[in-house]
């Protein structure tokens, strides 16, 4: 059975897949939201973002991706937290490593969403990308 918070995360992922502007994601975040992205192939260092920085990162993503898809493998709710395991696929608008324009890159995410007042207040991303060469 899906909780209300899991339904919010599901709706958030749908918006990410279909967004045309970072303004669309703002609806899901608390004004004091923060996100931590742990080091991975694309983000070499631990990165902390506030809502303004999250929106800027979303806008950058829109310039790099033609399309993205989130396939949720598992979703767990505990108190005010939702944890998901996702297979992410992105279709590129630019070449990246050995992936050409229009090619797909794939990653495996574990994401933790903490909620306050029905909005995401804290988000932690553990992203693991498949190799895409240089």
Foldseek 3Di string as FASTA:
>chain_A
DDDPLNVLVVVLQVCLQPPPALVSNVVQADQQAKEWEPDEPVRHHIDMDGSVRVRVVSVVVNQFFPGKHWDWPDWDDDDQKIKTKTKMKTQTCCDDAQAHHRGIWIKIWIKMFGDDPNHGRYMYIYIYTDDRHD
